Amino acid sequence: MTELDRKPFAEAMHILGETFGESVSEVRAEVYFEALRDLTIEQVSMAARLALRSLKFFPKPVELREAIHGNAS
């Protein structure tokens, strides 16, 4: 992702937070952005949509990655 992706990323994080009943602070959003920076915004958005359909709890960055790349273990 690039700096231009911050707004759509924030929207995806907000949707995840609202759905899973979790707060998304500025610090939390920044940590997630940095952890997922090597992905495209399209990949992150797709991972967020998959998380909404398949997870019971707010996803960790690794779970969003696994939604894209599968489980590496």
PDB file of N, CA and C in Angstrom:
ATOM      1  N   MET A   1       0.847  -1.175   0.000  1.00  0.00           N
ATOM      2  CA  MET A   1       0.000   0.000   0.000  1.00  0.00           C
ATOM      3  C   MET A   1       0.891   1.236   0.000  1.00  0.00           C
ATOM      4  N   THR A   2       0.305   2.323  -0.439  1.00  0.00           N
ATOM      5  CA  THR A   2       1.004   3.602  -0.441  1.00  0.00           C
ATOM      6  C   THR A   2       0.247   4.577   0.453  1.00  0.00           C
ATOM      7  N   GLU A   3       0.819   5.753   0.628  1.00  0.00           N
ATOM      8  CA  GLU A   3       0.155   6.777   1.430  1.00  0.00           C
ATOM      9  C   GLU A   3      -1.223   7.137   0.864  1.00  0.00           C
ATOM     10  N   LEU A   4      -1.394   6.999  -0.436  1.00  0.00           N
ATOM     11  CA  LEU A   4      -2.685   7.295  -1.065  1.00  0.00           C
ATOM     12  C   LEU A   4      -3.770   6.301  -0.657  1.00  0.00           C
ATOM     13  N   ASP A   5      -3.364   5.168  -0.107  1.00  0.00           N
ATOM     14  CA  ASP A   5      -4.315   4.131   0.281  1.00  0.00           C
ATOM     15  C   ASP A   5      -4.800   4.270   1.722  1.00  0.00           C
ATOM     16  N   ARG A   6      -4.329   5.267   2.419  1.00  0.00           N
ATOM     17  CA  ARG A   6      -4.691   5.403   3.837  1.00  0.00           C
ATOM     18  C   ARG A   6      -6.198   5.548   4.059  1.00  0.00           C
ATOM     19  N   LYS A   7      -6.885   6.314   3.227  1.00  0.00           N
ATOM     20  CA  LYS A   7      -8.328   6.500   3.423  1.00  0.00           C
ATOM     21  C   LYS A   7      -9.102   5.200   3.194  1.00  0.00           C
ATOM     22  N   PRO A   8      -8.915   4.498   2.065  1.00  0.00           N
ATOM     23  CA  PRO A   8      -9.643   3.236   1.914  1.00  0.00           C
ATOM     24  C   PRO A   8      -9.238   2.201   2.962  1.00  0.00           C
ATOM     25  N   PHE A   9      -7.990   2.239   3.401  1.00  0.00           N
ATOM     26  CA  PHE A   9      -7.555   1.325   4.460  1.00  0.00           C
ATOM     27  C   PHE A   9      -8.288   1.647   5.761  1.00  0.00           C
ATOM     28  N   ALA A  10      -8.370   2.936   6.103  1.00  0.00           N
ATOM     29  CA  ALA A  10      -9.079   3.351   7.324  1.00  0.00           C
ATOM     30  C   ALA A  10     -10.542   2.929   7.263  1.00  0.00           C
ATOM     31  N   GLU A  11     -11.151   3.028   6.086  1.00  0.00           N
ATOM     32  CA  GLU A  11     -12.549   2.606   5.930  1.00  0.00           C
ATOM     33  C   GLU A  11     -12.692   1.105   6.159  1.00  0.00           C
ATOM     34  N   ALA A  12     -11.756   0.317   5.630  1.00  0.00           N
ATOM     35  CA  ALA A  12     -11.802  -1.136   5.839  1.00  0.00           C
ATOM     36  C   ALA A  12     -11.640  -1.466   7.322  1.00  0.00           C
ATOM     37  N   MET A  13     -10.717  -0.776   7.993  1.00  0.00           N
ATOM     38  CA  MET A  13     -10.513  -1.011   9.424  1.00  0.00           C
ATOM     39  C   MET A  13     -11.752  -0.617  10.231  1.00  0.00           C
ATOM     40  N   HIS A  14     -12.372   0.483   9.841  1.00  0.00           N
ATOM     41  CA  HIS A  14     -13.589   0.937  10.522  1.00  0.00           C
ATOM     42  C   HIS A  14     -14.710  -0.096  10.385  1.00  0.00           C
ATOM     43  N   ILE A  15     -14.871  -0.628   9.188  1.00  0.00           N
ATOM     44  CA  ILE A  15     -15.901  -1.654   8.966  1.00  0.00           C
ATOM     45  C   ILE A  15     -15.617  -2.891   9.804  1.00  0.00           C
ATOM     46  N   LEU A  16     -14.357  -3.320   9.844  1.00  0.00           N
ATOM     47  CA  LEU A  16     -14.001  -4.472  10.687  1.00  0.00           C
ATOM     48  C   LEU A  16     -14.310  -4.177  12.151  1.00  0.00           C
ATOM     49  N   GLY A  17     -13.916  -2.995  12.607  1.00  0.00           N
ATOM     50  CA  GLY A  17     -14.161  -2.626  13.998  1.00  0.00           C
ATOM     51  C   GLY A  17     -15.639  -2.605  14.349  1.00  0.00           C
ATOM     52  N   GLU A  18     -16.438  -2.017  13.484  1.00  0.00           N
ATOM     53  CA  GLU A  18     -17.882  -1.954  13.728  1.00  0.00           C
ATOM     54  C   GLU A  18     -18.505  -3.348  13.744  1.00  0.00           C
ATOM     55  N   THR A  19     -18.099  -4.180  12.820  1.00  0.00           N
ATOM     56  CA  THR A  19     -18.674  -5.517  12.713  1.00  0.00           C
ATOM     57  C   THR A  19     -18.307  -6.394  13.901  1.00  0.00           C
ATOM     58  N   PHE A  20     -17.042  -6.312  14.324  1.00  0.00           N
ATOM     59  CA  PHE A  20     -16.573  -7.177  15.400  1.00  0.00           C
ATOM     60  C   PHE A  20     -16.648  -6.526  16.780  1.00  0.00           C
ATOM     61  N   GLY A  21     -17.194  -5.319  16.854  1.00  0.00           N
ATOM     62  CA  GLY A  21     -17.355  -4.657  18.140  1.00  0.00           C
ATOM     63  C   GLY A  21     -16.034  -4.296  18.806  1.00  0.00           C
ATOM     64  N   GLU A  22     -15.065  -3.896  18.004  1.00  0.00           N
ATOM     65  CA  GLU A  22     -13.739  -3.524  18.508  1.00  0.00           C
ATOM     66  C   GLU A  22     -13.451  -2.079  18.137  1.00  0.00           C
ATOM     67  N   SER A  23     -12.742  -1.391  19.022  1.00  0.00           N
ATOM     68  CA  SER A  23     -12.328  -0.031  18.665  1.00  0.00           C
ATOM     69  C   SER A  23     -11.046  -0.096  17.843  1.00  0.00           C
ATOM     70  N   VAL A  24     -10.931   0.819  16.912  1.00  0.00           N
ATOM     71  CA  VAL A  24      -9.732   0.905  16.085  1.00  0.00           C
ATOM     72  C   VAL A  24      -9.124   2.283  16.318  1.00  0.00           C
ATOM     73  N   SER A  25      -8.171   2.336  17.235  1.00  0.00           N
ATOM     74  CA  SER A  25      -7.498   3.590  17.540  1.00  0.00           C
ATOM     75  C   SER A  25      -6.562   3.974  16.401  1.00  0.00           C
ATOM     76  N   GLU A  26      -6.075   5.194  16.439  1.00  0.00           N
ATOM     77  CA  GLU A  26      -5.108   5.627  15.433  1.00  0.00           C
ATOM     78  C   GLU A  26      -3.849   4.766  15.496  1.00  0.00           C
ATOM     79  N   VAL A  27      -3.436   4.428  16.701  1.00  0.00           N
ATOM     80  CA  VAL A  27      -2.237   3.594  16.864  1.00  0.00           C
ATOM     81  C   VAL A  27      -2.475   2.212  16.276  1.00  0.00           C
ATOM     82  N   ARG A  28      -3.609   1.621  16.586  1.00  0.00           N
ATOM     83  CA  ARG A  28      -3.920   0.285  16.053  1.00  0.00           C
ATOM     84  C   ARG A  28      -3.959   0.307  14.534  1.00  0.00           C
ATOM     85  N   ALA A  29      -4.619   1.307  13.966  1.00  0.00           N
ATOM     86  CA  ALA A  29      -4.701   1.409  12.509  1.00  0.00           C
ATOM     87  C   ALA A  29      -3.317   1.576  11.898  1.00  0.00           C
ATOM     88  N   GLU A  30      -2.461   2.361  12.528  1.00  0.00           N
ATOM     89  CA  GLU A  30      -1.108   2.576  12.008  1.00  0.00           C
ATOM     90  C   GLU A  30      -0.285   1.292  12.063  1.00  0.00           C
ATOM     91  N   VAL A  31      -0.407   0.546  13.154  1.00  0.00           N
ATOM     92  CA  VAL A  31       0.325  -0.721  13.272  1.00  0.00           C
ATOM     93  C   VAL A  31      -0.129  -1.690  12.189  1.00  0.00           C
ATOM     94  N   TYR A  32      -1.422  -1.790  11.969  1.00  0.00           N
ATOM     95  CA  TYR A  32      -1.947  -2.674  10.924  1.00  0.00           C
ATOM     96  C   TYR A  32      -1.484  -2.212   9.537  1.00  0.00           C
ATOM     97  N   PHE A  33      -1.504  -0.894   9.303  1.00  0.00           N
ATOM     98  CA  PHE A  33      -1.075  -0.374   8.011  1.00  0.00           C
ATOM     99  C   PHE A  33       0.373  -0.768   7.746  1.00  0.00           C
ATOM    100  N   GLU A  34       1.231  -0.582   8.728  1.00  0.00           N
ATOM    101  CA  GLU A  34       2.645  -0.933   8.553  1.00  0.00           C
ATOM    102  C   GLU A  34       2.826  -2.440   8.386  1.00  0.00           C
ATOM    103  N   ALA A  35       2.068  -3.230   9.130  1.00  0.00           N
ATOM    104  CA  ALA A  35       2.187  -4.693   9.050  1.00  0.00           C
ATOM    105  C   ALA A  35       1.739  -5.230   7.693  1.00  0.00           C
ATOM    106  N   LEU A  36       0.844  -4.499   7.035  1.00  0.00           N
ATOM    107  CA  LEU A  36       0.279  -4.952   5.763  1.00  0.00           C
ATOM    108  C   LEU A  36       0.737  -4.110   4.578  1.00  0.00           C
ATOM    109  N   ARG A  37       1.681  -3.227   4.801  1.00  0.00           N
ATOM    110  CA  ARG A  37       2.111  -2.257   3.783  1.00  0.00           C
ATOM    111  C   ARG A  37       2.562  -2.905   2.479  1.00  0.00           C
ATOM    112  N   ASP A  38       3.126  -4.098   2.540  1.00  0.00           N
ATOM    113  CA  ASP A  38       3.621  -4.746   1.318  1.00  0.00           C
ATOM    114  C   ASP A  38       2.501  -5.302   0.437  1.00  0.00           C
ATOM    115  N   LEU A  39       1.277  -5.334   0.950  1.00  0.00           N
ATOM    116  CA  LEU A  39       0.134  -5.786   0.155  1.00  0.00           C
ATOM    117  C   LEU A  39      -0.484  -4.609  -0.579  1.00  0.00           C
ATOM    118  N   THR A  40      -1.259  -4.900  -1.589  1.00  0.00           N
ATOM    119  CA  THR A  40      -1.997  -3.829  -2.272  1.00  0.00           C
ATOM    120  C   THR A  40      -3.278  -3.541  -1.490  1.00  0.00           C
ATOM    121  N   ILE A  41      -3.849  -2.374  -1.708  1.00  0.00           N
ATOM    122  CA  ILE A  41      -5.106  -2.050  -1.041  1.00  0.00           C
ATOM    123  C   ILE A  41      -6.210  -2.998  -1.489  1.00  0.00           C
ATOM    124  N   GLU A  42      -6.131  -3.463  -2.712  1.00  0.00           N
ATOM    125  CA  GLU A  42      -7.120  -4.435  -3.201  1.00  0.00           C
ATOM    126  C   GLU A  42      -7.027  -5.741  -2.421  1.00  0.00           C
ATOM    127  N   GLN A  43      -5.809  -6.179  -2.138  1.00  0.00           N
ATOM    128  CA  GLN A  43      -5.626  -7.407  -1.358  1.00  0.00           C
ATOM    129  C   GLN A  43      -6.139  -7.222   0.067  1.00  0.00           C
ATOM    130  N   VAL A  44      -5.833  -6.092   0.669  1.00  0.00           N
ATOM    131  CA  VAL A  44      -6.277  -5.827   2.038  1.00  0.00           C
ATOM    132  C   VAL A  44      -7.798  -5.733   2.092  1.00  0.00           C
ATOM    133  N   SER A  45      -8.394  -5.070   1.135  1.00  0.00           N
ATOM    134  CA  SER A  45      -9.860  -4.968   1.092  1.00  0.00           C
ATOM    135  C   SER A  45     -10.507  -6.334   0.929  1.00  0.00           C
ATOM    136  N   MET A  46      -9.922  -7.164   0.063  1.00  0.00           N
ATOM    137  CA  MET A  46     -10.445  -8.517  -0.115  1.00  0.00           C
ATOM    138  C   MET A  46     -10.292  -9.326   1.167  1.00  0.00           C
ATOM    139  N   ALA A  47      -9.159  -9.200   1.836  1.00  0.00           N
ATOM    140  CA  ALA A  47      -8.929  -9.920   3.088  1.00  0.00           C
ATOM    141  C   ALA A  47      -9.938  -9.478   4.150  1.00  0.00           C
ATOM    142  N   ALA A  48     -10.232  -8.188   4.197  1.00  0.00           N
ATOM    143  CA  ALA A  48     -11.219  -7.686   5.160  1.00  0.00           C
ATOM    144  C   ALA A  48     -12.597  -8.268   4.866  1.00  0.00           C
ATOM    145  N   ARG A  49     -12.975  -8.326   3.590  1.00  0.00           N
ATOM    146  CA  ARG A  49     -14.275  -8.911   3.229  1.00  0.00           C
ATOM    147  C   ARG A  49     -14.332 -10.390   3.613  1.00  0.00           C
ATOM    148  N   LEU A  50     -13.246 -11.106   3.366  1.00  0.00           N
ATOM    149  CA  LEU A  50     -13.197 -12.526   3.740  1.00  0.00           C
ATOM    150  C   LEU A  50     -13.291 -12.692   5.253  1.00  0.00           C
ATOM    151  N   ALA A  51     -12.625 -11.817   5.992  1.00  0.00           N
ATOM    152  CA  ALA A  51     -12.674 -11.872   7.453  1.00  0.00           C
ATOM    153  C   ALA A  51     -14.103 -11.665   7.958  1.00  0.00           C
ATOM    154  N   LEU A  52     -14.822 -10.751   7.333  1.00  0.00           N
ATOM    155  CA  LEU A  52     -16.209 -10.501   7.740  1.00  0.00           C
ATOM    156  C   LEU A  52     -17.076 -11.737   7.569  1.00  0.00           C
ATOM    157  N   ARG A  53     -16.755 -12.544   6.587  1.00  0.00           N
ATOM    158  CA  ARG A  53     -17.550 -13.743   6.294  1.00  0.00           C
ATOM    159  C   ARG A  53     -17.120 -14.975   7.081  1.00  0.00           C
ATOM    160  N   SER A  54     -15.856 -14.997   7.517  1.00  0.00           N
ATOM    161  CA  SER A  54     -15.348 -16.269   8.035  1.00  0.00           C
ATOM    162  C   SER A  54     -14.811 -16.247   9.459  1.00  0.00           C
ATOM    163  N   LEU A  55     -14.572 -15.092  10.027  1.00  0.00           N
ATOM    164  CA  LEU A  55     -13.982 -15.039  11.365  1.00  0.00           C
ATOM    165  C   LEU A  55     -15.014 -14.653  12.416  1.00  0.00           C
ATOM    166  N   LYS A  56     -14.754 -15.076  13.643  1.00  0.00           N
ATOM    167  CA  LYS A  56     -15.636 -14.740  14.764  1.00  0.00           C
ATOM    168  C   LYS A  56     -15.121 -13.544  15.550  1.00  0.00           C
ATOM    169  N   PHE A  57     -13.825 -13.247  15.428  1.00  0.00           N
ATOM    170  CA  PHE A  57     -13.202 -12.182  16.192  1.00  0.00           C
ATOM    171  C   PHE A  57     -12.412 -11.270  15.265  1.00  0.00           C
ATOM    172  N   PHE A  58     -12.142 -10.058  15.721  1.00  0.00           N
ATOM    173  CA  PHE A  58     -11.369  -9.080  14.952  1.00  0.00           C
ATOM    174  C   PHE A  58     -10.043  -9.708  14.534  1.00  0.00           C
ATOM    175  N   PRO A  59      -9.724  -9.654  13.245  1.00  0.00           N
ATOM    176  CA  PRO A  59      -8.526 -10.352  12.772  1.00  0.00           C
ATOM    177  C   PRO A  59      -7.225  -9.647  13.126  1.00  0.00           C
ATOM    178  N   LYS A  60      -6.217 -10.450  13.398  1.00  0.00           N
ATOM    179  CA  LYS A  60      -4.847  -9.964  13.542  1.00  0.00           C
ATOM    180  C   LYS A  60      -4.293  -9.760  12.135  1.00  0.00           C
ATOM    181  N   PRO A  61      -3.214  -8.978  11.992  1.00  0.00           N
ATOM    182  CA  PRO A  61      -2.636  -8.809  10.658  1.00  0.00           C
ATOM    183  C   PRO A  61      -2.300 -10.140   9.979  1.00  0.00           C
ATOM    184  N   VAL A  62      -1.791 -11.093  10.734  1.00  0.00           N
ATOM    185  CA  VAL A  62      -1.444 -12.392  10.140  1.00  0.00           C
ATOM    186  C   VAL A  62      -2.679 -13.107   9.585  1.00  0.00           C
ATOM    187  N   GLU A  63      -3.817 -12.928  10.231  1.00  0.00           N
ATOM    188  CA  GLU A  63      -5.039 -13.562   9.731  1.00  0.00           C
ATOM    189  C   GLU A  63      -5.498 -12.912   8.420  1.00  0.00           C
ATOM    190  N   LEU A  64      -5.283 -11.619   8.293  1.00  0.00           N
ATOM    191  CA  LEU A  64      -5.608 -10.957   7.029  1.00  0.00           C
ATOM    192  C   LEU A  64      -4.668 -11.441   5.927  1.00  0.00           C
ATOM    193  N   ARG A  65      -3.397 -11.615   6.265  1.00  0.00           N
ATOM    194  CA  ARG A  65      -2.439 -12.163   5.302  1.00  0.00           C
ATOM    195  C   ARG A  65      -2.839 -13.579   4.878  1.00  0.00           C
ATOM    196  N   GLU A  66      -3.230 -14.396   5.850  1.00  0.00           N
ATOM    197  CA  GLU A  66      -3.622 -15.783   5.547  1.00  0.00           C
ATOM    198  C   GLU A  66      -4.848 -15.815   4.646  1.00  0.00           C
ATOM    199  N   ALA A  67      -5.723 -14.836   4.772  1.00  0.00           N
ATOM    200  CA  ALA A  67      -6.898 -14.775   3.890  1.00  0.00           C
ATOM    201  C   ALA A  67      -6.459 -14.587   2.439  1.00  0.00           C
ATOM    202  N   ILE A  68      -5.337 -13.940   2.226  1.00  0.00           N
ATOM    203  CA  ILE A  68      -4.811 -13.697   0.893  1.00  0.00           C
ATOM    204  C   ILE A  68      -3.928 -14.852   0.414  1.00  0.00           C
ATOM    205  N   HIS A  69      -2.981 -15.217   1.255  1.00  0.00           N
ATOM    206  CA  HIS A  69      -1.931 -16.161   0.851  1.00  0.00           C
ATOM    207  C   HIS A  69      -2.131 -17.583   1.361  1.00  0.00           C
ATOM    208  N   GLY A  70      -3.097 -17.808   2.221  1.00  0.00           N
ATOM    209  CA  GLY A  70      -3.259 -19.119   2.840  1.00  0.00           C
ATOM    210  C   GLY A  70      -2.360 -19.233   4.057  1.00  0.00           C
ATOM    211  N   ASN A  71      -2.532 -20.304   4.788  1.00  0.00           N
ATOM    212  CA  ASN A  71      -1.760 -20.537   5.997  1.00  0.00           C
ATOM    213  C   ASN A  71      -0.416 -21.144   5.626  1.00  0.00           C
ATOM    214  N   ALA A  72       0.674 -20.492   5.986  1.00  0.00           N
ATOM    215  CA  ALA A  72       2.014 -20.950   5.615  1.00  0.00           C
ATOM    216  C   ALA A  72       2.536 -22.059   6.515  1.00  0.00           C
ATOM    217  N   SER A  73       1.885 -22.304   7.631  1.00  0.00           N
ATOM    218  CA  SER A  73       2.414 -23.324   8.550  1.00  0.00           C
ATOM    219  C   SER A  73       1.960 -24.721   8.237  1.00  0.00           C
TER     220      SER A  73
END
